Amino acid sequence: MFRHNTLRYAVLIFLAGAALFQALTAGYFGLEILTEILVLAILVLALDIVAGFGGMVSLCHGALAGVGAYAYALLSAKAGIAPPVAMAGAVAVTGAAGWIIGAVCSRSHGIYFIMATLAFGQMAYSYVFEAPVFGGDDGLGGIERLDLSLIGLDLNDSRTFALFCLALLGAVYGAAVLILRSGLGRSLSGVMHNEQRMRALGLTVWRVKADVFGLSGMIAGLAGVLAAQHVMFISPGLLGWTVSGEALVVVILGGLGTLVGPLVGAAAFVVLKHELSAVTTYWHLVVGVILIAVVISRANGIFGWVEARWGARIERRVADATRKQQPGEVARDA
C-alpha cells in the first residue's frame, strides 16, 4: 500500500510552497511556466498510477489528455454548454475512453501493452486530424475558461488561473493517494507483482486494470481540459505520441511509482526545457543525456535517488545506535 514518509512530506511541502510563492510573486512569463508545470504534473500523476503502481506503461495518455481537451472544446465552444458542465462531461468522456482502452489491453503485457496503447493513441490522433468537426490540422480556438465570478475569481487573470491549477493539482494528488490506498489500489499492486496468483485468488484482473485505467483517464482528461483553457486553443498535436512519450520521460526522470517523483520531474523538465531552449535548439539532446544517465545509474529518477540515499542514511543511524546500546546492555547483564 502506498505510504508517505518524512522525506515525501518534506518534498511535497517544499514543492507546494515554491509553487505558491511563484504564483504570488512571478510576472506573466513566470506564471505561464508555472501553469505549464502544474498541468503537466496532473498528466504525469495519471500516468504514474498505471505505470508505476500497475506496471502498465502507457503511450496513450497524451491522447487521453487530447480527448479531454477536444471534448471540452466541443461541448463548450460548439454545443454552447456551460463551461463547468462541459468540464465535467469532458472528464467523464475521457474516463470512459480510458476504461475501454484498459479493458481491451488488459490481457497484454510488456512491449505488447505499450504498442497497443500507442495504437489507440495514433488512431485518435489520425481521426481528429482528418475530421472536419474537430477543425482538422487547423485545430479549434475560442475556448473559454471557467467563469467563477460568482465567488470573486477571474480565471482570465494568469495569476488566478495558476492558483486554480495548483488547487486542482492538490486535489488530484489527494485523489491519487486515496485510489492507491483503497481496495482497488491494493488489488492493482497485487496484480503488478503476481498477476497469476491474484487471478487464482478469484480476482477479476481485467476489471481491476480497466477500472484503474479509467480513473487515470479521468485525471488525464482533466489535464487536457486545463491545457485547453490555458492556451484557449487546441490542435491535433496534443494527441500525438510525442506528448505521451514526453510524459513517460518526466515520470522516469522524477521517479516511477512514487507519486512525488513525477511532480519533481515535471518541474525539472519544464524548467530545463525553457532554460536550455533559450541557449540552444537542441535542448532535447541535453534532456536525453540526463535521462540516459538516470537509467544507467539504476536510480529510480531524481527523487528515487534522493530517497535511496535518505533511506541508507537512516539505516546507518539505526545501526550505529544499536551498536552503541549493545555494550551497555552487556554491562547490565554482567
Protein backbone atom coordinates (compact mmCIF):
# COMPACT_ATOMS: atom_id res chain seq x y z
CA MET A 1 0.00 0.00 0.00
CA PHE A 2 1.24 3.49 -0.83
CA ARG A 3 2.61 5.36 2.16
CA HIS A 4 4.25 8.70 2.78
CA ASN A 5 7.45 9.06 4.76
CA THR A 6 9.14 12.11 6.25
CA LEU A 7 11.09 12.83 3.07
CA ARG A 8 8.00 12.66 0.87
CA TYR A 9 6.09 15.01 3.14
CA ALA A 10 9.04 17.41 3.18
CA VAL A 11 9.34 17.41 -0.63
CA LEU A 12 5.59 17.93 -1.02
CA ILE A 13 5.65 20.89 1.36
CA PHE A 14 8.66 22.36 -0.43
CA LEU A 15 7.07 21.96 -3.88
CA ALA A 16 3.74 23.40 -2.72
CA GLY A 17 5.47 26.33 -1.04
CA ALA A 18 7.64 27.03 -4.08
CA ALA A 19 4.64 26.89 -6.42
CA LEU A 20 2.59 29.16 -4.17
CA PHE A 21 5.45 31.65 -3.89
CA GLN A 22 5.89 31.66 -7.67
CA ALA A 23 2.15 32.11 -8.21
CA LEU A 24 2.02 35.11 -5.88
CA THR A 25 5.21 36.88 -6.97
CA ALA A 26 6.04 35.96 -10.58
CA GLY A 27 5.35 38.06 -13.64
CA TYR A 28 3.38 36.95 -16.69
CA PHE A 29 6.09 34.73 -18.18
CA GLY A 30 6.81 33.06 -14.83
CA LEU A 31 3.10 32.37 -14.33
CA GLU A 32 2.86 30.78 -17.77
CA ILE A 33 5.76 28.44 -16.95
CA LEU A 34 4.21 27.60 -13.57
CA THR A 35 0.86 26.77 -15.18
CA GLU A 36 2.61 24.57 -17.74
CA ILE A 37 4.33 22.69 -14.89
CA LEU A 38 1.08 22.23 -12.98
CA VAL A 39 -0.84 20.90 -15.99
CA LEU A 40 2.00 18.52 -16.86
CA ALA A 41 2.16 17.39 -13.22
CA ILE A 42 -1.51 16.37 -13.33
CA LEU A 43 -0.92 14.38 -16.52
CA VAL A 44 2.14 12.54 -15.17
CA LEU A 45 0.33 11.72 -11.93
CA ALA A 46 -2.27 9.95 -14.07
CA LEU A 47 0.47 8.05 -15.87
CA ASP A 48 2.32 7.14 -12.67
CA ILE A 49 -0.79 5.50 -11.24
CA VAL A 50 -0.99 2.95 -14.07
CA ALA A 51 2.71 2.64 -14.93
CA GLY A 52 4.36 2.97 -11.54
CA PHE A 53 1.82 1.11 -9.43
CA GLY A 54 0.23 -1.16 -12.03
CA GLY A 55 3.08 -1.96 -14.38
CA MET A 56 1.00 -0.72 -17.34
CA VAL A 57 3.37 1.53 -19.29
CA SER A 58 1.07 3.61 -21.46
CA LEU A 59 1.80 5.58 -24.60
CA CYS A 60 -1.74 6.88 -24.99
CA HIS A 61 -2.04 9.26 -22.04
CA GLY A 62 -1.21 12.22 -24.26
CA ALA A 63 -4.10 11.14 -26.49
CA LEU A 64 -6.37 10.84 -23.44
CA ALA A 65 -5.47 14.39 -22.47
CA GLY A 66 -6.25 15.39 -26.04
CA VAL A 67 -9.64 13.66 -25.85
CA GLY A 68 -10.42 15.66 -22.72
CA ALA A 69 -9.34 18.91 -24.40
CA TYR A 70 -11.36 18.30 -27.55
CA ALA A 71 -14.41 17.09 -25.63
CA TYR A 72 -14.35 20.26 -23.56
CA ALA A 73 -13.89 22.44 -26.64
CA LEU A 74 -16.78 20.80 -28.49
CA LEU A 75 -19.12 20.88 -25.50
CA SER A 76 -18.37 24.47 -24.52
CA ALA A 77 -17.49 26.26 -27.77
CA LYS A 78 -19.55 24.25 -30.27
CA ALA A 79 -22.53 22.97 -28.27
CA GLY A 80 -22.78 26.06 -26.06
CA ILE A 81 -22.81 24.08 -22.80
CA ALA A 82 -21.74 25.96 -19.69
CA PRO A 83 -18.01 25.51 -19.06
CA PRO A 84 -18.41 23.78 -15.63
CA VAL A 85 -20.78 21.20 -17.11
CA ALA A 86 -18.60 20.84 -20.21
CA MET A 87 -15.57 20.30 -17.99
CA ALA A 88 -17.31 17.55 -16.03
CA GLY A 89 -18.57 15.97 -19.26
CA ALA A 90 -15.09 16.04 -20.83
CA VAL A 91 -13.55 14.32 -17.77
CA ALA A 92 -16.31 11.68 -17.85
CA VAL A 93 -15.82 11.05 -21.58
CA THR A 94 -12.07 10.65 -21.12
CA GLY A 95 -12.60 8.30 -18.19
CA ALA A 96 -14.88 6.14 -20.34
CA ALA A 97 -12.28 6.10 -23.13
CA GLY A 98 -9.58 5.13 -20.65
CA TRP A 99 -11.74 2.32 -19.25
CA ILE A 100 -12.29 0.89 -22.74
CA ILE A 101 -8.57 1.05 -23.54
CA GLY A 102 -7.71 -0.60 -20.24
CA ALA A 103 -10.25 -3.36 -20.80
CA VAL A 104 -9.09 -4.08 -24.35
CA CYS A 105 -5.38 -4.06 -23.44
CA SER A 106 -5.75 -5.84 -20.09
CA ARG A 107 -4.57 -9.24 -21.37
CA SER A 108 -1.40 -7.89 -22.95
CA HIS A 109 1.85 -7.24 -21.11
CA GLY A 110 5.19 -5.54 -21.57
CA ILE A 111 6.01 -4.32 -25.05
CA TYR A 112 2.67 -5.62 -26.38
CA PHE A 113 0.76 -3.44 -23.91
CA ILE A 114 2.89 -0.43 -24.82
CA MET A 115 2.29 -0.94 -28.54
CA ALA A 116 -1.44 -1.50 -28.05
CA THR A 117 -1.80 1.79 -26.15
CA LEU A 118 0.33 3.51 -28.79
CA ALA A 119 -2.02 2.21 -31.46
CA PHE A 120 -5.05 3.63 -29.63
CA GLY A 121 -3.30 6.97 -29.34
CA GLN A 122 -2.37 7.09 -33.01
CA MET A 123 -5.89 6.14 -34.06
CA ALA A 124 -7.28 9.03 -32.01
CA TYR A 125 -4.69 11.40 -33.48
CA SER A 126 -5.44 10.34 -37.06
CA TYR A 127 -9.20 10.64 -36.60
CA VAL A 128 -9.02 14.11 -35.03
CA PHE A 129 -6.53 15.24 -37.68
CA GLU A 130 -8.88 14.24 -40.52
CA ALA A 131 -12.33 15.00 -39.06
CA PRO A 132 -13.74 18.43 -40.03
CA VAL A 133 -15.77 18.68 -36.82
CA PHE A 134 -12.51 18.87 -34.87
CA GLY A 135 -11.08 21.56 -37.13
CA GLY A 136 -8.59 19.18 -38.79
CA ASP A 137 -4.98 20.29 -38.65
CA ASP A 138 -6.15 23.89 -38.06
CA GLY A 139 -7.33 22.99 -34.56
CA LEU A 140 -10.05 24.72 -32.54
CA GLY A 141 -9.99 28.15 -30.95
CA GLY A 142 -12.35 30.30 -28.93
CA ILE A 143 -12.10 28.07 -25.86
CA GLU A 144 -13.34 29.71 -22.68
CA ARG A 145 -12.09 29.29 -19.14
CA LEU A 146 -14.42 28.61 -16.24
CA ASP A 147 -16.46 31.56 -15.04
CA LEU A 148 -16.00 31.73 -11.28
CA SER A 149 -17.00 35.36 -10.95
CA LEU A 150 -19.77 34.35 -8.52
CA ILE A 151 -17.10 33.57 -5.93
CA GLY A 152 -14.95 36.53 -6.91
CA LEU A 153 -12.42 34.70 -9.09
CA ASP A 154 -11.42 35.80 -12.59
CA LEU A 155 -9.68 32.86 -14.25
CA ASN A 156 -8.81 35.02 -17.23
CA ASP A 157 -6.17 36.51 -14.95
CA SER A 158 -2.96 34.47 -15.27
CA ARG A 159 -2.21 34.55 -11.53
CA THR A 160 -5.67 33.40 -10.56
CA PHE A 161 -5.63 30.65 -13.16
CA ALA A 162 -2.24 29.41 -11.92
CA LEU A 163 -3.57 29.27 -8.34
CA PHE A 164 -6.66 27.44 -9.63
CA CYS A 165 -4.47 24.84 -11.37
CA LEU A 166 -2.39 24.48 -8.19
CA ALA A 167 -5.53 23.80 -6.16
CA LEU A 168 -6.68 21.20 -8.68
CA LEU A 169 -3.25 19.54 -8.61
CA GLY A 170 -3.51 19.25 -4.83
CA ALA A 171 -6.97 17.69 -5.16
CA VAL A 172 -5.75 15.26 -7.84
CA TYR A 173 -2.77 14.22 -5.69
CA GLY A 174 -5.10 13.56 -2.78
CA ALA A 175 -7.41 11.54 -5.02
CA ALA A 176 -4.45 9.51 -6.34
CA VAL A 177 -3.38 8.68 -2.77
CA LEU A 178 -6.93 7.57 -1.91
CA ILE A 179 -7.08 5.39 -5.02
CA LEU A 180 -3.78 3.68 -4.22
CA ARG A 181 -4.75 3.12 -0.57
CA SER A 182 -8.17 1.73 -1.46
CA GLY A 183 -9.02 -1.90 -2.10
CA LEU A 184 -8.73 -1.22 -5.82
CA GLY A 185 -5.23 0.18 -5.35
CA ARG A 186 -4.12 -2.81 -3.25
CA SER A 187 -5.55 -5.14 -5.88
CA LEU A 188 -3.63 -3.25 -8.56
CA SER A 189 -0.40 -3.68 -6.60
CA GLY A 190 -1.08 -7.40 -6.25
CA VAL A 191 -1.72 -7.73 -9.97
CA MET A 192 1.54 -5.97 -10.79
CA HIS A 193 3.61 -8.23 -8.50
CA ASN A 194 1.89 -11.54 -9.24
CA GLU A 195 -1.00 -11.49 -11.68
CA GLN A 196 -1.39 -15.28 -11.81
CA ARG A 197 -1.71 -15.53 -8.05
CA MET A 198 -4.32 -12.75 -7.91
CA ARG A 199 -6.29 -14.49 -10.65
CA ALA A 200 -6.08 -17.77 -8.73
CA LEU A 201 -7.48 -15.99 -5.68
CA GLY A 202 -10.56 -15.11 -7.70
CA LEU A 203 -9.77 -11.52 -8.62
CA THR A 204 -11.16 -10.27 -11.93
CA VAL A 205 -7.85 -8.94 -13.21
CA TRP A 206 -9.08 -7.30 -16.39
CA ARG A 207 -11.69 -5.35 -14.42
CA VAL A 208 -9.09 -4.04 -11.98
CA LYS A 209 -6.89 -2.85 -14.83
CA ALA A 210 -9.82 -1.30 -16.68
CA ASP A 211 -11.13 0.50 -13.59
CA VAL A 212 -7.72 1.94 -12.72
CA PHE A 213 -7.09 2.93 -16.32
CA GLY A 214 -10.48 4.64 -16.38
CA LEU A 215 -9.69 6.64 -13.24
CA SER A 216 -6.28 7.51 -14.66
CA GLY A 217 -8.01 8.58 -17.87
CA MET A 218 -10.24 10.96 -15.93
CA ILE A 219 -7.18 12.63 -14.41
CA ALA A 220 -5.50 12.83 -17.83
CA GLY A 221 -8.72 14.31 -19.22
CA LEU A 222 -8.65 16.99 -16.53
CA ALA A 223 -5.09 17.84 -17.56
CA GLY A 224 -6.28 18.16 -21.16
CA VAL A 225 -9.16 20.45 -20.16
CA LEU A 226 -6.78 22.70 -18.22
CA ALA A 227 -4.33 22.72 -21.13
CA ALA A 228 -7.14 23.80 -23.45
CA GLN A 229 -8.24 26.55 -21.06
CA HIS A 230 -4.66 27.68 -20.55
CA VAL A 231 -3.86 28.25 -24.24
CA MET A 232 -7.51 28.72 -25.31
CA PHE A 233 -6.62 26.79 -28.47
CA ILE A 234 -6.04 23.12 -29.24
CA SER A 235 -4.63 21.21 -32.20
CA PRO A 236 -4.19 17.52 -33.09
CA GLY A 237 -0.58 17.71 -31.90
CA LEU A 238 -1.89 17.37 -28.35
CA LEU A 239 -2.85 13.76 -29.16
CA GLY A 240 0.50 12.87 -30.73
CA TRP A 241 2.58 10.03 -29.33
CA THR A 242 5.36 12.51 -28.55
CA VAL A 243 3.20 14.04 -25.81
CA SER A 244 2.75 10.59 -24.24
CA GLY A 245 6.46 9.89 -24.65
CA GLU A 246 7.31 13.20 -23.01
CA ALA A 247 5.05 12.36 -20.07
CA LEU A 248 6.74 8.98 -19.69
CA VAL A 249 10.17 10.67 -19.74
CA VAL A 250 9.02 13.01 -16.97
CA VAL A 251 7.80 10.11 -14.83
CA ILE A 252 11.07 8.20 -15.27
CA LEU A 253 13.11 11.36 -14.69
CA GLY A 254 11.27 12.13 -11.46
CA GLY A 255 10.81 8.64 -10.05
CA LEU A 256 8.44 5.91 -11.21
CA GLY A 257 5.94 4.64 -8.64
CA THR A 258 6.46 7.37 -6.06
CA LEU A 259 3.75 9.97 -6.91
CA VAL A 260 6.07 12.63 -5.50
CA GLY A 261 8.75 11.91 -8.10
CA PRO A 262 6.63 12.82 -11.13
CA LEU A 263 5.94 16.22 -9.55
CA VAL A 264 9.69 16.77 -9.22
CA GLY A 265 10.17 15.52 -12.78
CA ALA A 266 7.52 17.87 -14.18
CA ALA A 267 9.14 20.89 -12.56
CA ALA A 268 12.65 19.86 -13.61
CA PHE A 269 11.61 19.05 -17.19
CA VAL A 270 9.73 22.29 -17.88
CA VAL A 271 12.41 24.47 -16.29
CA LEU A 272 15.15 22.65 -18.22
CA LYS A 273 13.18 22.98 -21.45
CA HIS A 274 12.74 26.72 -21.15
CA GLU A 275 16.23 27.45 -19.86
CA LEU A 276 18.01 25.26 -22.41
CA SER A 277 15.83 26.30 -25.35
CA ALA A 278 16.96 29.87 -24.75
CA VAL A 279 20.54 28.71 -25.30
CA THR A 280 20.21 26.01 -27.97
CA THR A 281 17.54 24.49 -30.20
CA TYR A 282 18.95 21.04 -29.36
CA TRP A 283 17.72 21.07 -25.77
CA HIS A 284 16.19 17.61 -26.31
CA LEU A 285 19.72 16.21 -26.56
CA VAL A 286 20.61 17.53 -23.11
CA VAL A 287 17.44 16.12 -21.58
CA GLY A 288 18.13 12.81 -23.35
CA VAL A 289 21.64 12.63 -21.91
CA ILE A 290 20.25 13.31 -18.42
CA LEU A 291 17.63 10.59 -18.87
CA ILE A 292 20.24 8.09 -20.08
CA ALA A 293 22.40 8.91 -17.05
CA VAL A 294 19.43 8.32 -14.73
CA VAL A 295 18.63 4.96 -16.34
CA ILE A 296 22.25 3.77 -16.40
CA SER A 297 22.73 4.74 -12.75
CA ARG A 298 19.82 2.41 -11.88
CA ALA A 299 18.39 5.13 -9.70
CA ASN A 300 14.62 5.50 -9.73
CA GLY A 301 14.75 9.02 -11.07
CA ILE A 302 15.79 12.17 -9.25
CA PHE A 303 13.51 11.65 -6.27
CA GLY A 304 14.22 7.90 -6.18
CA TRP A 305 17.95 8.62 -5.94
CA VAL A 306 17.42 11.09 -3.08
CA GLU A 307 15.03 8.71 -1.30
CA ALA A 308 17.52 5.83 -1.58
CA ARG A 309 20.27 7.97 -0.05
CA TRP A 310 17.88 9.11 2.67
CA GLY A 311 16.93 5.51 3.49
CA ALA A 312 20.58 4.42 3.60
CA ARG A 313 21.40 7.27 5.96
CA ILE A 314 18.59 6.29 8.33
CA GLU A 315 19.72 2.66 8.27
CA ARG A 316 23.27 3.72 9.19
CA ARG A 317 21.97 5.79 12.09
CA VAL A 318 19.89 2.88 13.39
CA ALA A 319 22.85 0.52 13.06
CA ASP A 320 25.14 2.96 14.90
CA ALA A 321 22.60 3.41 17.69
CA THR A 322 22.24 -0.36 18.01
CA ARG A 323 25.99 -0.82 18.29
CA LYS A 324 26.23 1.88 20.97
CA GLN A 325 23.49 0.24 23.03
CA GLN A 326 24.95 -3.24 22.94
CA PRO A 327 27.97 -2.60 25.33
CA GLY A 328 25.68 -1.03 27.93
CA GLU A 329 23.29 -3.97 27.77
CA VAL A 330 26.18 -6.41 28.19
CA ALA A 331 27.46 -4.50 31.27
CA ARG A 332 24.00 -4.52 32.88
CA ASP A 333 23.63 -8.24 32.28
CA ALA A 334 27.04 -8.83 33.97
